[in-house]
N, C-alpha and C. Protein backbone atom coordinates (compact mmCIF):
# COMPACT_ATOMS: atom_id res chain seq x y z
N UNK A 1 46.22 -52.08 16.04
CA UNK A 1 46.47 -51.99 17.29
C UNK A 1 45.91 -53.28 17.92
N UNK A 2 46.42 -53.81 18.85
CA UNK A 2 45.90 -54.94 19.40
C UNK A 2 44.93 -54.71 20.84
N UNK A 3 44.28 -55.47 21.11
CA UNK A 3 43.09 -55.25 22.14
C UNK A 3 43.78 -54.92 23.38
N UNK A 4 44.71 -55.51 24.01
CA UNK A 4 45.41 -55.03 25.27
C UNK A 4 45.80 -53.66 25.31
N UNK A 5 46.33 -53.07 24.09
CA UNK A 5 46.85 -51.76 24.05
C UNK A 5 45.73 -50.70 24.02
N UNK A 6 44.79 -51.19 23.25
CA UNK A 6 43.50 -50.36 23.11
C UNK A 6 42.98 -50.21 24.54
N UNK A 7 42.70 -51.36 25.58
CA UNK A 7 42.17 -51.24 26.64
C UNK A 7 42.96 -50.40 27.73
N UNK A 8 44.20 -50.39 27.47
CA UNK A 8 45.12 -49.78 28.39
C UNK A 8 45.01 -48.27 28.05
N UNK A 9 44.95 -48.04 26.77
CA UNK A 9 44.80 -46.50 26.49
C UNK A 9 43.44 -45.81 27.00
N UNK A 10 42.39 -46.87 26.82
CA UNK A 10 41.00 -46.53 27.31
C UNK A 10 41.03 -46.06 28.84
N UNK A 11 41.84 -47.17 29.46
CA UNK A 11 41.97 -46.76 30.98
C UNK A 11 42.55 -45.30 31.11
N UNK A 12 43.58 -45.22 30.62
CA UNK A 12 44.37 -43.89 30.73
C UNK A 12 43.43 -42.93 30.39
N UNK A 13 42.69 -42.86 29.41
CA UNK A 13 41.84 -41.83 28.91
C UNK A 13 40.81 -41.44 29.83
N UNK A 14 40.26 -42.76 30.54
CA UNK A 14 39.24 -42.42 31.52
C UNK A 14 39.78 -41.58 32.55
N UNK A 15 41.03 -41.94 33.11
CA UNK A 15 41.63 -41.16 34.27
C UNK A 15 41.98 -39.60 33.82
N UNK A 16 42.39 -39.36 32.62
CA UNK A 16 42.51 -38.10 31.76
C UNK A 16 41.01 -37.38 31.91
N UNK A 17 40.16 -37.88 31.60
CA UNK A 17 38.69 -37.26 31.68
C UNK A 17 38.39 -36.87 33.11
N UNK A 18 38.54 -37.90 33.72
CA UNK A 18 38.26 -37.47 35.26
C UNK A 18 38.92 -36.29 35.97
N UNK A 19 40.22 -36.28 35.66
CA UNK A 19 41.08 -35.08 36.18
C UNK A 19 40.44 -33.85 35.15
N UNK A 20 40.30 -33.88 34.14
CA UNK A 20 39.70 -32.47 33.45
C UNK A 20 38.26 -32.17 34.15
N UNK A 21 37.42 -33.28 34.36
CA UNK A 21 35.97 -33.09 35.08
C UNK A 21 36.29 -32.47 36.53
N UNK A 22 37.38 -32.98 37.27
CA UNK A 22 37.56 -32.22 38.34
C UNK A 22 37.96 -30.93 38.25
N UNK A 23 38.78 -30.68 37.29
CA UNK A 23 39.42 -29.28 37.25
C UNK A 23 38.27 -28.25 36.91
N UNK A 24 37.22 -28.67 36.02
CA UNK A 24 36.12 -27.99 35.70
C UNK A 24 35.27 -27.65 36.88
N UNK A 25 35.02 -28.81 37.58
CA UNK A 25 34.13 -28.63 38.95
C UNK A 25 34.71 -27.74 39.90
N UNK A 26 36.13 -27.66 39.95
CA UNK A 26 36.97 -26.79 41.07
C UNK A 26 36.61 -25.29 40.66
N UNK A 27 36.75 -25.05 39.24
CA UNK A 27 36.36 -23.59 38.66
C UNK A 27 35.10 -23.31 39.10
N UNK A 28 34.10 -24.28 39.18
CA UNK A 28 32.53 -23.73 39.26
C UNK A 28 32.43 -23.63 40.73
N UNK A 29 33.09 -24.49 41.49
CA UNK A 29 32.96 -24.21 43.15
C UNK A 29 33.55 -22.88 43.47
N UNK A 30 34.82 -22.69 42.82
CA UNK A 30 35.43 -21.24 43.29
C UNK A 30 34.62 -20.32 43.13
N UNK A 31 34.02 -19.91 41.66
CA UNK A 31 33.08 -18.90 41.51
C UNK A 31 32.07 -18.94 42.43
N UNK A 32 31.12 -20.09 42.73
CA UNK A 32 30.19 -20.15 43.86
C UNK A 32 30.55 -19.79 45.01
N UNK A 33 31.46 -20.24 45.64
CA UNK A 33 32.10 -19.91 46.79
C UNK A 33 32.36 -18.45 47.06
N UNK A 34 33.10 -17.91 45.97
CA UNK A 34 33.44 -16.34 46.01
C UNK A 34 32.19 -15.57 46.14
N UNK A 35 31.35 -16.02 45.30
CA UNK A 35 30.02 -14.98 45.15
C UNK A 35 29.31 -15.25 46.21
N UNK A 36 29.35 -16.53 46.94
CA UNK A 36 28.42 -16.61 48.02
C UNK A 36 29.25 -15.78 49.22
N UNK A 37 30.29 -15.78 49.40
CA UNK A 37 31.07 -15.16 50.43
C UNK A 37 30.63 -13.58 50.25
N UNK A 38 30.61 -12.99 49.07
CA UNK A 38 30.37 -11.88 48.69
C UNK A 38 29.21 -11.37 49.30
N UNK A 39 28.11 -12.52 48.72
CA UNK A 39 26.62 -12.09 49.07
C UNK A 39 26.25 -11.91 50.55
N UNK A 40 26.88 -12.98 51.16
CA UNK A 40 26.49 -13.25 52.61
C UNK A 40 27.28 -12.20 53.55
N UNK A 41 28.48 -11.84 52.93
CA UNK A 41 28.96 -10.93 54.02
C UNK A 41 28.60 -9.17 53.78
N UNK A 42 28.38 -9.00 52.40
CA UNK A 42 27.84 -7.80 51.99
C UNK A 42 28.93 -6.72 52.49
N UNK A 43 28.52 -5.66 53.11
CA UNK A 43 29.29 -4.50 53.50
C UNK A 43 29.97 -4.90 54.90
N UNK A 44 29.74 -5.96 55.41
CA UNK A 44 30.44 -6.43 56.90
C UNK A 44 31.97 -6.94 56.51
N UNK A 45 32.49 -6.79 55.11
CA UNK A 45 33.82 -7.12 55.16
C UNK A 45 34.74 -6.39 55.66
N UNK A 46 34.65 -4.97 55.50
CA UNK A 46 35.50 -3.98 56.29
C UNK A 46 36.89 -4.31 56.05
N UNK A 47 37.65 -4.32 57.13
CA UNK A 47 39.11 -4.47 56.82
C UNK A 47 39.34 -6.04 56.93
N UNK A 48 38.53 -6.94 56.96
CA UNK A 48 38.60 -8.35 57.02
C UNK A 48 38.60 -9.04 55.82
N UNK A 49 38.82 -8.39 54.67
CA UNK A 49 39.00 -8.70 53.06
C UNK A 49 39.98 -9.91 52.87
N UNK A 50 40.88 -10.08 53.66
CA UNK A 50 41.83 -11.01 53.30
C UNK A 50 41.31 -12.36 53.16
N UNK A 51 40.34 -12.90 53.90
CA UNK A 51 39.64 -14.14 53.97
C UNK A 51 38.93 -14.47 52.74
N UNK A 52 38.71 -13.51 51.78
CA UNK A 52 38.14 -13.86 50.60
C UNK A 52 39.03 -14.42 49.57
N UNK A 53 40.26 -14.32 49.76
CA UNK A 53 41.34 -14.82 48.86
C UNK A 53 41.58 -16.17 49.19
N UNK A 54 41.32 -16.44 50.52
CA UNK A 54 41.72 -17.97 50.69
C UNK A 54 40.98 -19.20 49.91
N UNK A 55 39.72 -18.93 49.58
CA UNK A 55 39.20 -19.97 48.66
C UNK A 55 39.76 -19.98 47.32
N UNK A 56 40.10 -18.77 46.90
CA UNK A 56 40.83 -18.56 45.44
C UNK A 56 42.09 -19.34 45.39
N UNK A 57 42.85 -19.15 46.47
CA UNK A 57 44.30 -19.69 46.32
C UNK A 57 44.10 -21.25 46.54
N UNK A 58 43.36 -21.70 47.64
CA UNK A 58 43.13 -23.27 47.58
C UNK A 58 42.53 -23.73 46.58
N UNK A 59 41.51 -23.35 46.05
CA UNK A 59 41.00 -24.01 44.64
C UNK A 59 42.06 -23.86 43.46
N UNK A 60 42.89 -22.69 43.56
CA UNK A 60 43.82 -22.63 42.53
C UNK A 60 44.99 -23.65 42.61
N UNK A 61 45.29 -23.89 43.94
CA UNK A 61 46.26 -25.09 44.11
C UNK A 61 45.89 -26.35 43.82
N UNK A 62 44.61 -26.62 44.20
CA UNK A 62 44.07 -28.09 43.89
C UNK A 62 43.81 -28.14 42.34
N UNK A 63 43.17 -27.06 41.75
CA UNK A 63 43.04 -27.11 40.37
C UNK A 63 44.55 -27.19 39.55
N UNK A 64 45.44 -26.75 40.00
CA UNK A 64 46.67 -26.84 39.37
C UNK A 64 47.25 -28.35 39.69
N UNK A 65 46.96 -28.97 40.84
CA UNK A 65 47.33 -30.18 41.09
C UNK A 65 46.63 -31.13 40.15
N UNK A 66 45.30 -31.07 39.98
CA UNK A 66 44.63 -32.00 39.09
C UNK A 66 45.11 -31.63 37.46
N UNK A 67 45.55 -30.32 37.22
CA UNK A 67 46.15 -30.18 35.86
C UNK A 67 47.66 -30.86 35.77
N UNK A 68 48.28 -31.07 36.99
CA UNK A 68 49.59 -31.74 36.96
C UNK A 68 49.43 -33.14 36.56
N UNK A 69 48.32 -33.74 37.30
CA UNK A 69 48.25 -35.16 37.19
C UNK A 69 47.59 -35.58 36.04
N UNK A 70 46.78 -34.59 35.30
CA UNK A 70 46.12 -34.90 33.84
C UNK A 70 47.23 -34.79 32.85
N UNK A 71 48.29 -33.94 33.08
CA UNK A 71 49.23 -33.70 32.24
C UNK A 71 50.28 -35.06 32.17
N UNK A 72 50.33 -35.57 33.47
CA UNK A 72 51.14 -36.77 33.65
C UNK A 72 50.48 -38.03 32.87
N UNK A 73 49.44 -38.03 33.06
CA UNK A 73 48.60 -38.88 32.32
C UNK A 73 48.56 -38.79 30.88
N UNK A 74 48.50 -37.83 30.44
CA UNK A 74 48.65 -37.50 28.89
C UNK A 74 50.04 -37.95 28.35
N UNK A 75 51.02 -37.83 29.32
CA UNK A 75 52.50 -38.13 28.90
C UNK A 75 52.45 -39.65 28.87
N UNK A 76 51.84 -40.35 30.06
CA UNK A 76 51.50 -41.72 29.85
C UNK A 76 51.24 -42.17 28.79
N UNK A 77 50.17 -41.54 28.31
CA UNK A 77 49.24 -42.02 27.05
C UNK A 77 50.18 -42.07 25.95
N UNK A 78 50.79 -40.93 25.68
CA UNK A 78 51.91 -40.90 24.62
C UNK A 78 52.78 -41.79 24.75
N UNK A 79 53.38 -42.38 26.04
CA UNK A 79 54.40 -43.43 26.01
C UNK A 79 53.91 -44.80 25.72
N UNK A 80 52.55 -45.07 26.09
CA UNK A 80 51.87 -46.48 25.64
C UNK A 80 51.54 -46.50 24.37
N UNK A 81 51.25 -45.19 23.47
CA UNK A 81 51.06 -45.42 22.23
C UNK A 81 52.22 -45.69 21.48
N UNK A 82 53.44 -45.59 22.23
CA UNK A 82 54.83 -45.96 21.24
C UNK A 82 55.06 -47.32 21.63
N UNK A 83 54.42 -48.18 22.64
CA UNK A 83 54.93 -49.50 23.08
C UNK A 83 54.54 -50.22 22.07
N UNK A 84 55.26 -51.47 21.89
CA UNK A 84 54.73 -52.58 21.06
C UNK A 84 53.70 -53.35 22.05
N UNK A 85 52.73 -53.98 21.18
CA UNK A 85 51.74 -54.74 21.84
C UNK A 85 52.13 -55.79 22.99
N UNK A 86 53.29 -56.22 22.76
CA UNK A 86 53.83 -57.52 23.83
C UNK A 86 54.32 -56.57 25.12
N UNK A 87 54.46 -55.42 25.22
CA UNK A 87 55.15 -54.49 26.15
C UNK A 87 54.02 -53.90 27.08
N UNK A 88 52.74 -54.15 26.64
CA UNK A 88 51.69 -53.61 27.52
C UNK A 88 51.54 -54.45 28.80
N UNK A 89 51.72 -53.46 29.94
CA UNK A 89 51.44 -54.22 31.41
C UNK A 89 50.29 -53.62 32.08
N UNK A 90 49.67 -52.68 31.51
CA UNK A 90 48.54 -52.07 32.28
C UNK A 90 49.09 -51.20 33.52
N UNK A 91 50.14 -50.83 33.43
CA UNK A 91 50.99 -49.79 34.35
C UNK A 91 50.09 -48.45 34.21
N UNK A 92 49.58 -48.12 35.36
CA UNK A 92 49.23 -46.75 35.46
C UNK A 92 50.01 -45.64 36.33
N UNK A 93 51.13 -46.05 36.62
CA UNK A 93 51.92 -45.34 37.36
C UNK A 93 52.56 -44.07 36.72
N UNK A 94 52.46 -43.07 37.17
CA UNK A 94 52.86 -41.87 36.51
C UNK A 94 54.11 -41.07 37.04
N UNK A 95 54.40 -41.73 38.05
CA UNK A 95 55.64 -41.02 38.77
C UNK A 95 57.01 -40.84 37.83
N UNK A 96 57.20 -41.66 36.93
CA UNK A 96 58.32 -41.39 35.74
C UNK A 96 58.15 -40.05 35.33
N UNK A 97 56.77 -39.64 35.16
CA UNK A 97 56.49 -38.50 34.24
C UNK A 97 56.17 -37.28 34.83
N UNK A 98 56.12 -37.53 36.04
CA UNK A 98 55.63 -36.29 36.93
C UNK A 98 56.72 -35.09 37.14
N UNK A 99 58.18 -35.62 36.91
CA UNK A 99 59.23 -34.70 37.27
C UNK A 99 59.39 -34.04 35.73
N UNK A 100 58.78 -34.38 34.63
CA UNK A 100 58.98 -33.41 33.56
C UNK A 100 58.60 -31.99 33.82
N UNK A 101 59.31 -31.12 33.09
CA UNK A 101 58.89 -29.71 33.22
C UNK A 101 57.57 -29.30 33.27
N UNK A 102 56.81 -29.65 32.17
CA UNK A 102 55.44 -29.22 31.76
C UNK A 102 54.55 -30.08 32.94
N UNK A 103 54.72 -31.12 33.65
CA UNK A 103 53.89 -31.63 34.53
C UNK A 103 54.32 -31.31 35.97
N UNK A 104 55.22 -30.37 36.13
CA UNK A 104 55.27 -30.01 37.64
C UNK A 104 54.13 -29.04 38.06
N UNK A 105 53.91 -29.28 39.37
CA UNK A 105 52.83 -28.20 40.13
C UNK A 105 53.11 -26.95 39.72
N UNK A 106 54.49 -26.45 39.88
CA UNK A 106 54.59 -25.01 39.92
C UNK A 106 54.27 -24.45 38.21
N UNK A 107 54.61 -25.22 37.42
CA UNK A 107 54.33 -24.88 35.91
C UNK A 107 52.68 -24.95 35.62
N UNK A 108 52.15 -25.80 36.37
CA UNK A 108 50.71 -25.71 36.14
C UNK A 108 50.15 -24.66 37.06
N UNK A 109 50.68 -24.18 38.19
CA UNK A 109 50.10 -23.06 38.59
C UNK A 109 50.09 -21.66 37.77
N UNK A 110 51.26 -21.87 37.16
CA UNK A 110 51.31 -20.53 36.13
C UNK A 110 51.05 -20.68 34.78
N UNK A 111 50.40 -21.77 34.47
CA UNK A 111 49.92 -22.16 32.96
C UNK A 111 48.71 -21.16 32.73
N UNK A 112 48.64 -20.88 31.57
CA UNK A 112 47.77 -19.86 30.78
C UNK A 112 46.26 -20.33 31.25
N UNK A 113 45.84 -21.73 31.39
CA UNK A 113 44.63 -21.97 31.59
C UNK A 113 44.38 -21.67 33.10
N UNK A 114 45.27 -21.55 33.81
CA UNK A 114 44.98 -21.33 35.48
C UNK A 114 45.09 -19.89 35.53
N UNK A 115 46.04 -19.21 34.89
CA UNK A 115 46.28 -17.80 35.13
C UNK A 115 45.01 -17.02 34.62
N UNK A 116 44.53 -17.60 33.25
CA UNK A 116 43.36 -16.62 32.96
C UNK A 116 42.30 -16.95 33.50
N UNK A 117 42.02 -17.86 34.41
CA UNK A 117 40.84 -17.98 35.24
C UNK A 117 40.95 -17.40 36.57
N UNK A 118 42.15 -17.76 37.29
CA UNK A 118 42.34 -17.27 38.71
C UNK A 118 42.78 -15.83 38.92
N UNK A 119 43.53 -15.30 38.19
CA UNK A 119 44.05 -13.92 38.20
C UNK A 119 42.81 -12.85 37.98
N UNK A 120 41.99 -13.09 36.85
CA UNK A 120 40.92 -12.09 36.80
C UNK A 120 39.97 -12.35 37.76
N UNK A 121 39.64 -13.54 38.55
CA UNK A 121 38.72 -13.54 39.75
C UNK A 121 39.26 -12.96 40.80
N UNK A 122 40.79 -13.07 40.98
CA UNK A 122 41.32 -12.33 42.09
C UNK A 122 41.18 -10.81 41.87
N UNK A 123 41.51 -10.42 40.70
CA UNK A 123 41.29 -8.92 40.42
C UNK A 123 39.97 -8.30 40.65
N UNK A 124 38.79 -9.11 40.04
CA UNK A 124 37.73 -8.68 40.17
C UNK A 124 37.17 -8.79 42.00
N UNK A 125 37.79 -9.88 42.39
CA UNK A 125 37.53 -9.76 43.82
C UNK A 125 38.07 -8.42 44.49
N UNK A 126 39.28 -8.15 44.16
CA UNK A 126 39.98 -7.05 44.73
C UNK A 126 39.22 -5.70 44.38
N UNK A 127 38.73 -5.65 43.28
CA UNK A 127 37.99 -4.51 42.76
C UNK A 127 36.68 -4.28 43.63
N UNK A 128 35.80 -5.32 43.64
CA UNK A 128 34.91 -5.45 44.68
C UNK A 128 35.15 -5.04 45.98
N UNK A 129 36.07 -5.34 46.48
CA UNK A 129 36.51 -5.27 48.06
C UNK A 129 36.69 -3.75 47.89
N UNK A 130 37.57 -3.24 47.27
CA UNK A 130 37.85 -1.76 47.07
C UNK A 130 36.65 -1.00 47.03
N UNK A 131 35.59 -1.29 46.46
CA UNK A 131 34.37 -0.63 46.03
C UNK A 131 33.60 -0.64 47.60
N UNK A 132 33.64 -2.02 48.02
CA UNK A 132 32.65 -1.88 49.14
C UNK A 132 33.44 -1.22 50.34
N UNK A 133 34.78 -1.33 50.37
CA UNK A 133 35.35 -0.56 51.56
C UNK A 133 35.57 0.89 51.06
């Protein structure tokens, strides 16, 4: 493999790593924020429990967005690996790959990595709200 191709793949891999780190950070922030809301509100939640699900929904959407972008860059990575060295143009545009089924935002929202984190967190929050009220 020639040097330009390796550099291009390294550039794409750096973006993929950044997206994965953002996703991990969002999961940490979600747990921290939900736990903080429960801690600070205590029994004052009462009937206004609906606002506790707002951070979960917002962070779930953001996390799915980053997962969608990460998947698009992974597709770009696969595409670049198949190019001839003289075709390397260091293009980082993923719009051509964002319409693929696996890379769409909706499919990322319901992906196992998202569902296995956000659904149990939502269920646990619901159980805690039920116990408190």
